[in-house]
């Protein structure tokens, strides 16, 4: 019940926010329209007064001052119905004709309230206007005032105000309804997200947030949550696999150590057997220790702490030293190791020790798993600022369905785990490559395997310094 109330309250808040935004938008639009229409109506009113003023001034030119006075009086007699104001004075500011008594002259246009006008006669007709807009004109023998009521302007303002009130009322109602519907829909989707996250927290890692076809912000959040859950499920699955593999890897050497210790226990008087058993037990312990050291090293690399030690590393000299160091090891296995490094400089921003470990692992892995007579090569290309290293061999290769699995920790193609090795070599390679934003891919060499390590385009030292300064 509490959750339902919170959901409804959130929906109402969203609806109120949408209504406020729409009302504010309507108010802005109304203000623009109000001032634009009001300005246009004022201009039209002034144009009308100006037209009447020019017509009367022309009458004075053709009919004289007396003719103008007669025309003003005729217009003044019907002024109550059209709210027109006329006043003609002589050069001494004395009343001559019109429907108002003399008012002080003023320059330009002026808006005069009706109650300030000294009207002549009984004005019984109802007025829509509240004031008169007019101006004085200097003529040959006096002065002429012409004005008109602002009734049309007031009518337009009333219509606009009524439209605004109706518009705001309807928009608030529709916004409240629409906002409430949208808010409830959003809350339902959020409730589904909460349900999925709750299920994941209880161990149901396969649950995912349903996606909607709207592709809105909540759908984007759902996609991020699902991607996170995919990653979480993969990590937990990998953790379970690693735990299982560690159990398998430890069971065999521990069993062998127990067997040796039992032999020592039953032959405690035989010094040779005792020393041999202890030596073999120490070797088994060293192997277990190396496995845990490798796991800890991979975890450290994946944490990204080593990025603080990144420097510019020249791959050419690094690979040449590796080939020179392991060439004799390959010869002992009746294999041939060659380096196709080239003279084109290839520099990577990274950790020199880790990069050295990466390529040593790849070459040693090829030497370990290739038969006698195999050809192994290390190639370097640096086209377009994208350094790429390839380690080729002519061994048995790796089946396509196993190529993604070999990067898992403690995974081995040889399921019996009797062969030498911890199954962490390629896992370490993958972790170091990911730390350096490089991509490791496996491909057929027909026969054999190609391991390609492709680094991203390297920025210059000046560009990196500039980026650091800007940040």
Protein backbone atom coordinates (compact mmCIF):
# COMPACT_ATOMS: atom_id res chain seq x y z
CA UNK A 1 0.00 0.00 0.00
CA UNK A 2 2.82 2.41 0.89
CA UNK A 3 4.58 1.67 -2.40
CA UNK A 4 1.34 2.31 -4.34
CA UNK A 5 0.88 5.65 -2.59
CA UNK A 6 4.45 6.65 -3.38
CA UNK A 7 3.94 5.66 -7.01
CA UNK A 8 0.75 7.74 -7.29
CA UNK A 9 2.40 10.68 -5.54
CA UNK A 10 5.29 10.57 -7.99
CA UNK A 11 2.87 10.40 -10.92
CA UNK A 12 0.95 13.42 -9.58
CA UNK A 13 4.18 15.35 -9.19
CA UNK A 14 5.14 14.57 -12.76
CA UNK A 15 1.68 15.60 -13.94
CA UNK A 16 1.90 18.88 -11.99
CA UNK A 17 5.32 19.57 -13.46
CA UNK A 18 4.08 18.96 -17.01
CA UNK A 19 1.02 21.17 -16.35
CA UNK A 20 3.22 23.98 -15.01
CA UNK A 21 5.51 23.80 -18.05
CA UNK A 22 2.57 23.85 -20.49
CA UNK A 23 0.87 26.70 -18.61
CA UNK A 24 4.07 28.73 -18.64
CA UNK A 25 4.44 28.06 -22.36
CA UNK A 26 0.86 29.19 -22.99
CA UNK A 27 1.46 32.32 -20.94
CA UNK A 28 4.53 33.21 -22.97
CA UNK A 29 2.69 32.60 -26.26
CA UNK A 30 -0.27 34.67 -25.04
CA UNK A 31 1.99 37.54 -23.98
CA UNK A 32 3.62 37.63 -27.38
CA UNK A 33 0.25 37.49 -29.15
CA UNK A 34 -1.27 40.07 -26.77
CA UNK A 35 1.40 42.67 -27.33
CA UNK A 36 1.58 41.99 -31.07
CA UNK A 37 -2.20 42.26 -31.60
CA UNK A 38 -2.50 45.20 -29.21
CA UNK A 39 0.24 47.02 -31.07
CA UNK A 40 -1.36 46.29 -34.45
CA UNK A 41 -4.80 47.47 -33.28
CA UNK A 42 -3.27 50.68 -31.92
CA UNK A 43 -1.62 51.25 -35.25
CA UNK A 44 -4.94 50.61 -37.05
CA UNK A 45 -6.75 53.03 -34.72
CA UNK A 46 -4.16 55.73 -35.28
CA UNK A 47 -4.31 55.14 -39.03
CA UNK A 48 -8.10 55.64 -38.92
CA UNK A 49 -7.77 58.87 -36.93
CA UNK A 50 -5.03 60.05 -39.27
CA UNK A 51 -7.21 59.36 -42.31
CA UNK A 52 -10.15 61.34 -40.83
CA UNK A 53 -7.81 64.16 -39.85
CA UNK A 54 -6.40 64.44 -43.40
CA UNK A 55 -9.90 64.36 -44.90
CA UNK A 56 -11.05 67.23 -42.68
CA UNK A 57 -7.90 69.21 -43.37
CA UNK A 58 -8.59 68.86 -47.11
CA UNK A 59 -12.13 70.24 -46.52
CA UNK A 60 -10.60 73.44 -45.14
CA UNK A 61 -8.48 73.80 -48.25
CA UNK A 62 -11.48 73.39 -50.60
CA UNK A 63 -14.34 74.89 -48.51
CA UNK A 64 -12.61 77.24 -46.12
CA UNK A 65 -12.73 77.42 -42.34
CA UNK A 66 -16.54 77.76 -42.31
CA UNK A 67 -16.93 74.69 -44.50
CA UNK A 68 -14.62 72.75 -42.14
CA UNK A 69 -16.70 73.85 -39.13
CA UNK A 70 -19.90 72.69 -40.79
CA UNK A 71 -18.33 69.32 -41.63
CA UNK A 72 -17.08 68.88 -38.05
CA UNK A 73 -20.55 69.61 -36.68
CA UNK A 74 -22.14 67.05 -39.01
CA UNK A 75 -19.63 64.42 -37.89
CA UNK A 76 -20.12 65.36 -34.24
CA UNK A 77 -23.87 64.76 -34.43
CA UNK A 78 -23.41 61.05 -35.14
CA UNK A 79 -20.31 60.58 -32.94
CA UNK A 80 -22.19 58.87 -30.11
CA UNK A 81 -22.71 55.77 -32.23
CA UNK A 82 -19.11 55.41 -33.40
CA UNK A 83 -17.27 57.00 -30.45
CA UNK A 84 -15.46 59.56 -32.65
CA UNK A 85 -14.37 62.82 -31.00
CA UNK A 86 -14.07 66.11 -32.91
CA UNK A 87 -13.03 69.57 -31.76
CA UNK A 88 -12.31 72.64 -33.91
CA UNK A 89 -10.92 75.80 -32.34
CA UNK A 90 -9.80 79.09 -33.80
CA UNK A 91 -6.31 80.51 -33.54
CA UNK A 92 -7.19 81.88 -30.08
CA UNK A 93 -8.14 78.38 -28.82
CA UNK A 94 -11.83 79.28 -28.72
CA UNK A 95 -14.47 76.62 -29.41
CA UNK A 96 -15.85 76.66 -32.97
CA UNK A 97 -17.32 73.17 -33.55
CA UNK A 98 -17.26 69.60 -32.23
CA UNK A 99 -18.74 67.31 -29.60
CA UNK A 100 -16.38 68.23 -26.73
CA UNK A 101 -15.45 71.51 -25.17
CA UNK A 102 -11.93 72.91 -25.41
CA UNK A 103 -9.15 70.74 -23.94
CA UNK A 104 -5.51 71.75 -23.63
CA UNK A 105 -3.42 71.07 -26.68
CA UNK A 106 -0.55 68.57 -26.55
CA UNK A 107 2.05 67.31 -29.01
CA UNK A 108 1.78 63.91 -30.70
CA UNK A 109 -0.65 61.15 -29.75
CA UNK A 110 -2.39 60.84 -26.40
CA UNK A 111 -4.83 58.43 -24.76
CA UNK A 112 -7.51 60.35 -22.78
CA UNK A 113 -9.97 58.54 -20.48
CA UNK A 114 -13.61 59.27 -21.19
CA UNK A 115 -14.22 60.86 -17.79
CA UNK A 116 -11.60 63.51 -18.52
CA UNK A 117 -13.32 64.62 -21.73
CA UNK A 118 -15.76 67.62 -21.45
CA UNK A 119 -18.49 66.03 -23.58
CA UNK A 120 -21.18 68.20 -25.09
CA UNK A 121 -24.72 66.89 -24.90
CA UNK A 122 -26.08 63.66 -23.47
CA UNK A 123 -24.04 60.59 -24.38
CA UNK A 124 -26.47 57.83 -23.51
CA UNK A 125 -25.24 55.16 -25.89
CA UNK A 126 -23.21 52.40 -24.17
CA UNK A 127 -19.47 52.52 -24.82
CA UNK A 128 -17.18 49.53 -25.33
CA UNK A 129 -14.12 51.75 -24.99
CA UNK A 130 -12.54 53.22 -21.86
CA UNK A 131 -10.53 56.00 -23.46
CA UNK A 132 -10.01 58.00 -26.65
CA UNK A 133 -6.83 57.99 -28.71
CA UNK A 134 -6.28 61.22 -30.64
CA UNK A 135 -4.03 64.09 -31.63
CA UNK A 136 -4.09 67.78 -32.45
CA UNK A 137 -3.48 69.13 -35.93
CA UNK A 138 -2.56 72.72 -36.74
CA UNK A 139 -4.63 74.08 -39.65
CA UNK A 140 -4.60 77.44 -41.44
CA UNK A 141 -7.06 79.31 -39.19
CA UNK A 142 -6.97 77.27 -35.99
CA UNK A 143 -6.54 73.82 -34.53
CA UNK A 144 -8.29 70.48 -35.10
CA UNK A 145 -8.52 67.57 -32.65
CA UNK A 146 -9.64 64.15 -33.90
CA UNK A 147 -9.92 61.06 -31.70
CA UNK A 148 -11.50 57.61 -31.61
CA UNK A 149 -12.45 55.20 -28.84
CA UNK A 150 -10.30 52.14 -28.05
CA UNK A 151 -13.28 49.78 -28.01
CA UNK A 152 -11.85 47.42 -30.65
CA UNK A 153 -8.65 47.14 -28.65
CA UNK A 154 -10.56 46.35 -25.45
CA UNK A 155 -12.70 43.74 -27.26
CA UNK A 156 -9.59 42.05 -28.63
CA UNK A 157 -7.98 42.08 -25.19
CA UNK A 158 -11.05 40.48 -23.63
CA UNK A 159 -11.14 37.78 -26.32
CA UNK A 160 -7.44 37.08 -25.84
CA UNK A 161 -7.79 36.94 -22.06
CA UNK A 162 -10.74 34.58 -22.30
CA UNK A 163 -8.79 32.41 -24.75
CA UNK A 164 -5.83 32.38 -22.39
CA UNK A 165 -7.96 31.28 -19.45
CA UNK A 166 -9.62 28.54 -21.49
CA UNK A 167 -6.27 27.48 -22.95
CA UNK A 168 -4.56 27.31 -19.58
CA UNK A 169 -7.50 25.48 -18.04
CA UNK A 170 -7.68 22.87 -20.80
CA UNK A 171 -3.90 22.50 -20.97
CA UNK A 172 -3.69 22.00 -17.20
CA UNK A 173 -6.42 19.39 -17.33
CA UNK A 174 -4.91 17.55 -20.29
CA UNK A 175 -1.40 17.86 -18.85
CA UNK A 176 -2.54 16.48 -15.51
CA UNK A 177 -4.26 13.54 -17.18
CA UNK A 178 -1.42 12.90 -19.63
CA UNK A 179 1.27 13.44 -17.02
CA UNK A 180 -0.48 11.11 -14.60
CA UNK A 181 -0.73 8.42 -17.30
CA UNK A 182 2.92 8.89 -18.28
CA UNK A 183 3.99 8.94 -14.65
CA UNK A 184 2.12 5.75 -13.85
CA UNK A 185 3.56 4.09 -16.94
CA UNK A 186 7.07 5.18 -15.94
CA UNK A 187 6.50 3.95 -12.40
CA UNK A 188 5.32 0.58 -13.70
CA UNK A 189 8.50 0.26 -15.75
CA UNK A 190 10.61 1.32 -12.77
CA UNK A 191 8.75 -1.23 -10.63
CA UNK A 192 9.70 -3.90 -13.19
CA UNK A 193 13.34 -2.77 -12.94
CA UNK A 194 13.12 -3.03 -9.15
CA UNK A 195 11.62 -6.49 -9.46
CA UNK A 196 14.40 -7.65 -11.77
CA UNK A 197 17.12 -6.19 -9.54
CA UNK A 198 15.47 -7.80 -6.51
CA UNK A 199 15.39 -11.16 -8.30
CA UNK A 200 19.07 -10.78 -9.27
CA UNK A 201 19.92 -9.92 -5.66
CA UNK A 202 18.26 -13.18 -4.61
CA UNK A 203 20.39 -15.15 -7.06
CA UNK A 204 18.28 -15.26 -10.25
CA UNK A 205 21.03 -13.91 -12.50
CA UNK A 206 19.19 -14.77 -15.71
CA UNK A 207 16.50 -12.12 -15.13
CA UNK A 208 16.54 -9.06 -17.43
CA UNK A 209 14.64 -5.78 -17.60
CA UNK A 210 12.05 -5.86 -20.43
CA UNK A 211 12.69 -3.34 -23.22
CA UNK A 212 10.07 -1.09 -24.80
CA UNK A 213 9.78 -0.03 -28.46
CA UNK A 214 9.70 3.65 -27.46
CA UNK A 215 13.51 3.84 -27.12
CA UNK A 216 13.16 6.60 -24.49
CA UNK A 217 15.41 7.42 -21.52
CA UNK A 218 13.99 4.62 -19.38
CA UNK A 219 14.61 2.18 -22.22
CA UNK A 220 18.20 3.43 -22.37
CA UNK A 221 18.53 2.85 -18.63
CA UNK A 222 17.03 -0.63 -19.07
CA UNK A 223 19.64 -1.38 -21.73
CA UNK A 224 22.45 -0.26 -19.40
CA UNK A 225 21.04 -2.37 -16.55
CA UNK A 226 20.80 -5.41 -18.82
CA UNK A 227 24.37 -4.88 -20.04
CA UNK A 228 25.51 -4.64 -16.42
CA UNK A 229 23.61 -7.80 -15.53
CA UNK A 230 25.13 -9.59 -18.54
CA UNK A 231 28.56 -8.58 -17.33
CA UNK A 232 27.73 -9.57 -13.76
CA UNK A 233 26.44 -12.96 -14.86
CA UNK A 234 29.56 -13.51 -16.95
CA UNK A 235 31.84 -12.52 -14.06
CA UNK A 236 30.04 -14.74 -11.59
CA UNK A 237 30.04 -17.58 -14.10
CA UNK A 238 33.74 -17.02 -14.63
CA UNK A 239 34.27 -16.96 -10.87
CA UNK A 240 32.45 -20.24 -10.49
CA UNK A 241 34.46 -21.72 -13.34
CA UNK A 242 37.70 -20.45 -11.80
CA UNK A 243 36.72 -21.89 -8.43
CA UNK A 244 36.02 -25.25 -10.04
CA UNK A 245 39.25 -25.16 -12.04
CA UNK A 246 41.27 -24.19 -8.96
CA UNK A 247 39.75 -27.12 -7.09
CA UNK A 248 40.70 -29.46 -9.94
CA UNK A 249 44.19 -27.96 -10.25
CA UNK A 250 44.88 -28.18 -6.54
CA UNK A 251 43.44 -31.64 -6.06
CA UNK A 252 46.03 -33.33 -8.29
CA UNK A 253 49.22 -31.80 -6.75
CA UNK A 254 47.83 -32.16 -3.23
CA UNK A 255 47.05 -35.81 -3.90
CA UNK A 256 50.57 -36.30 -5.25
CA UNK A 257 52.07 -34.61 -2.17
CA UNK A 258 49.96 -36.82 0.11
CA UNK A 259 51.15 -39.86 -1.77
CA UNK A 260 54.79 -38.83 -1.38
CA UNK A 261 54.33 -38.09 2.30
CA UNK A 262 52.74 -41.51 2.81
CA UNK A 263 55.77 -43.05 1.12
CA UNK A 264 58.06 -41.12 3.46
CA UNK A 265 55.93 -42.14 6.42
CA UNK A 266 56.25 -45.84 5.58
CA UNK A 267 59.96 -45.54 4.68
CA UNK A 268 61.09 -42.97 7.21
CA UNK A 269 64.45 -44.68 7.64
CA UNK A 270 65.37 -44.42 3.95
CA UNK A 271 67.12 -41.02 3.56
CA UNK A 272 67.11 -41.11 -0.26
CA UNK A 273 63.34 -41.69 -0.42
CA UNK A 274 62.82 -38.96 2.19
CA UNK A 275 64.87 -36.38 0.27
CA UNK A 276 63.22 -37.25 -3.05
CA UNK A 277 59.73 -36.98 -1.57
CA UNK A 278 60.49 -33.63 0.07
CA UNK A 279 61.96 -32.26 -3.19
CA UNK A 280 58.94 -33.34 -5.20
CA UNK A 281 56.57 -31.92 -2.55
CA UNK A 282 58.38 -28.60 -2.69
CA UNK A 283 58.03 -28.56 -6.48
CA UNK A 284 54.31 -29.20 -6.14
CA UNK A 285 54.03 -26.36 -3.59
CA UNK A 286 55.97 -24.04 -5.91
CA UNK A 287 53.55 -24.88 -8.73
CA UNK A 288 50.55 -24.10 -6.52
CA UNK A 289 52.19 -20.86 -5.40
CA UNK A 290 52.87 -19.87 -9.02
CA UNK A 291 49.23 -20.46 -9.88
CA UNK A 292 48.02 -18.19 -7.09
CA UNK A 293 50.65 -15.57 -7.95
CA UNK A 294 49.43 -15.57 -11.54
CA UNK A 295 45.80 -15.20 -10.43
CA UNK A 296 46.70 -12.28 -8.17
CA UNK A 297 48.73 -10.71 -10.98
CA UNK A 298 45.77 -10.94 -13.37
CA UNK A 299 43.47 -9.37 -10.75
CA UNK A 300 45.95 -6.53 -10.23
CA UNK A 301 46.18 -5.92 -13.97
CA UNK A 302 42.40 -5.96 -14.42
CA UNK A 303 42.07 -3.39 -11.61
CA UNK A 304 44.01 -0.93 -13.79
CA UNK A 305 46.42 0.18 -11.06
CA UNK A 306 49.42 -0.29 -13.35
CA UNK A 307 48.23 2.48 -15.71
CA UNK A 308 49.96 5.02 -13.49
CA UNK A 309 53.30 3.56 -14.60
CA UNK A 310 52.64 3.87 -18.33
CA UNK A 311 55.48 5.23 -20.48
CA UNK A 312 56.27 5.16 -24.19
CA UNK A 313 57.57 1.67 -25.04
CA UNK A 314 59.36 0.93 -28.31
CA UNK A 315 58.06 -2.44 -29.49
CA UNK A 316 60.89 -2.97 -31.98
CA UNK A 317 63.67 -3.37 -29.40
CA UNK A 318 61.36 -5.16 -26.96
CA UNK A 319 60.42 -7.87 -29.49
CA UNK A 320 63.99 -8.25 -30.74
CA UNK A 321 65.19 -8.91 -27.17
CA UNK A 322 62.41 -11.49 -26.65
CA UNK A 323 63.26 -13.33 -29.88
CA UNK A 324 66.97 -13.33 -29.02
CA UNK A 325 66.28 -14.66 -25.50
CA UNK A 326 63.90 -17.46 -26.57
CA UNK A 327 65.63 -18.50 -29.78
CA UNK A 328 67.86 -20.95 -27.91
CA UNK A 329 64.83 -22.38 -26.06
CA UNK A 330 63.14 -23.06 -29.42
CA UNK A 331 66.30 -24.70 -30.78
CA UNK A 332 66.36 -27.08 -27.81
CA UNK A 333 62.88 -28.24 -28.92
CA UNK A 334 64.15 -28.59 -32.51
CA UNK A 335 62.05 -25.57 -33.53
CA UNK A 336 62.94 -22.41 -35.44
CA UNK A 337 62.06 -18.99 -34.00
CA UNK A 338 62.46 -15.97 -36.27
CA UNK A 339 61.70 -12.28 -35.87
CA UNK A 340 60.25 -10.13 -38.66
CA UNK A 341 60.43 -6.87 -36.76
CA UNK A 342 61.43 -4.36 -39.45
CA UNK A 343 62.85 -0.89 -39.03
CA UNK A 344 59.58 1.08 -38.93
CA UNK A 345 59.36 2.56 -35.42
CA UNK A 346 56.36 1.32 -33.41
CA UNK A 347 55.75 2.91 -30.01
CA UNK A 348 53.04 1.98 -27.52
CA UNK A 349 52.09 3.92 -24.38
CA UNK A 350 52.04 1.28 -21.69
CA UNK A 351 53.82 -0.76 -19.03
CA UNK A 352 57.08 -2.17 -20.41
CA UNK A 353 57.22 -5.11 -17.98
CA UNK A 354 53.65 -6.15 -18.72
CA UNK A 355 54.11 -5.86 -22.48
CA UNK A 356 57.28 -7.93 -22.18
CA UNK A 357 55.30 -10.54 -20.19
CA UNK A 358 52.52 -10.55 -22.82
CA UNK A 359 54.78 -11.38 -25.77
CA UNK A 360 56.97 -13.81 -23.78
CA UNK A 361 53.81 -15.72 -22.85
CA UNK A 362 52.70 -15.90 -26.49
CA UNK A 363 56.09 -17.12 -27.75
CA UNK A 364 56.59 -19.59 -24.87
CA UNK A 365 53.05 -20.88 -25.42
CA UNK A 366 53.88 -21.53 -29.09
CA UNK A 367 57.15 -23.28 -28.17
CA UNK A 368 55.41 -25.42 -25.52
CA UNK A 369 52.55 -26.61 -27.73
CA UNK A 370 54.30 -26.97 -31.09
CA UNK A 371 56.02 -30.23 -32.10
CA UNK A 372 59.61 -30.62 -33.26
CA UNK A 373 60.38 -28.98 -36.58
CA UNK A 374 57.75 -26.24 -36.09
CA UNK A 375 58.30 -22.76 -37.50
CA UNK A 376 57.53 -19.84 -35.13
CA UNK A 377 57.72 -16.18 -36.15
CA UNK A 378 57.17 -12.84 -34.45
CA UNK A 379 56.03 -10.07 -36.82
CA UNK A 380 55.58 -6.33 -36.20
CA UNK A 381 53.65 -3.86 -38.37
CA UNK A 382 52.96 -0.20 -37.60
CA UNK A 383 50.81 1.04 -40.47
CA UNK A 384 48.90 4.26 -39.78
CA UNK A 385 49.97 4.49 -36.15
CA UNK A 386 48.25 1.19 -35.26
CA UNK A 387 51.01 -1.18 -34.00
CA UNK A 388 50.14 -4.83 -34.63
CA UNK A 389 52.12 -7.86 -33.45
CA UNK A 390 51.53 -11.36 -34.87
CA UNK A 391 52.94 -14.59 -33.44
CA UNK A 392 52.64 -17.40 -36.02
CA UNK A 393 53.36 -21.10 -35.57
CA UNK A 394 52.92 -24.26 -37.57
CA UNK A 395 51.67 -26.40 -34.70
CA UNK A 396 48.33 -28.09 -34.14
CA UNK A 397 46.47 -24.82 -33.67
CA UNK A 398 43.30 -24.28 -31.65
CA UNK A 399 39.84 -25.41 -32.83
CA UNK A 400 37.54 -22.44 -33.67
CA UNK A 401 35.02 -23.44 -30.99
CA UNK A 402 37.74 -23.30 -28.31
CA UNK A 403 39.31 -19.95 -29.20
CA UNK A 404 37.12 -17.84 -26.92
CA UNK A 405 37.42 -20.30 -24.05
CA UNK A 406 41.23 -20.41 -23.95
CA UNK A 407 41.29 -16.86 -22.54
CA UNK A 408 39.41 -18.03 -19.44
CA UNK A 409 41.44 -18.50 -16.31
CA UNK A 410 42.75 -22.03 -15.73
CA UNK A 411 41.11 -23.28 -18.94
CA UNK A 412 43.04 -26.00 -20.78
CA UNK A 413 42.46 -27.79 -24.04
CA UNK A 414 43.96 -30.87 -22.38
CA UNK A 415 41.12 -31.86 -20.02
CA UNK A 416 43.05 -34.37 -17.95
CA UNK A 417 45.30 -31.56 -16.59
CA UNK A 418 48.23 -33.93 -16.57
CA UNK A 419 50.28 -31.72 -18.90
CA UNK A 420 52.55 -28.99 -17.57
CA UNK A 421 51.06 -25.53 -17.19
CA UNK A 422 48.47 -23.65 -15.16
CA UNK A 423 46.11 -22.53 -17.93
CA UNK A 424 46.71 -18.88 -17.04
CA UNK A 425 49.09 -17.86 -19.83
CA UNK A 426 46.49 -16.62 -22.30
CA UNK A 427 44.35 -15.22 -19.46
CA UNK A 428 47.31 -13.05 -18.50
CA UNK A 429 47.79 -12.08 -22.16
CA UNK A 430 44.13 -11.05 -22.40
CA UNK A 431 44.28 -9.00 -19.18
CA UNK A 432 47.44 -7.13 -20.25
CA UNK A 433 46.02 -6.46 -23.71
CA UNK A 434 42.76 -5.11 -22.26
CA UNK A 435 44.74 -2.84 -19.92
CA UNK A 436 46.44 -1.37 -23.00
CA UNK A 437 43.14 -1.17 -24.97
CA UNK A 438 44.53 -3.75 -27.40
CA UNK A 439 42.55 -6.52 -29.08
CA UNK A 440 43.75 -10.14 -29.17
CA UNK A 441 42.42 -12.39 -31.94
CA UNK A 442 43.17 -15.99 -32.90
CA UNK A 443 43.17 -17.22 -36.51
CA UNK A 444 44.25 -20.22 -38.59
CA UNK A 445 47.77 -20.32 -40.03
CA UNK A 446 47.01 -23.44 -42.12
CA UNK A 447 48.58 -25.26 -40.39
CA UNK A 448 49.03 -23.74 -36.98
CA UNK A 449 47.84 -20.66 -35.20
CA UNK A 450 48.13 -16.88 -35.61
CA UNK A 451 47.81 -14.76 -32.48
CA UNK A 452 47.35 -11.08 -33.37
CA UNK A 453 47.66 -8.26 -30.84
CA UNK A 454 46.34 -5.03 -32.38
CA UNK A 455 46.95 -1.82 -30.44
CA UNK A 456 44.82 1.31 -30.94
CA UNK A 457 46.19 4.35 -32.73
CA UNK A 458 48.85 5.89 -30.55
CA UNK A 459 48.79 9.61 -29.75
CA UNK A 460 51.97 11.61 -29.70
CA UNK A 461 53.60 12.66 -26.45
CA UNK A 462 52.64 16.29 -27.13
CA UNK A 463 48.98 15.31 -27.64
CA UNK A 464 48.90 13.39 -24.36
CA UNK A 465 50.48 16.31 -22.50
CA UNK A 466 47.93 18.66 -24.02
CA UNK A 467 45.08 16.34 -22.96
CA UNK A 468 46.43 16.20 -19.40
CA UNK A 469 46.77 19.99 -19.22
CA UNK A 470 43.22 20.49 -20.47
CA UNK A 471 41.84 18.09 -17.89
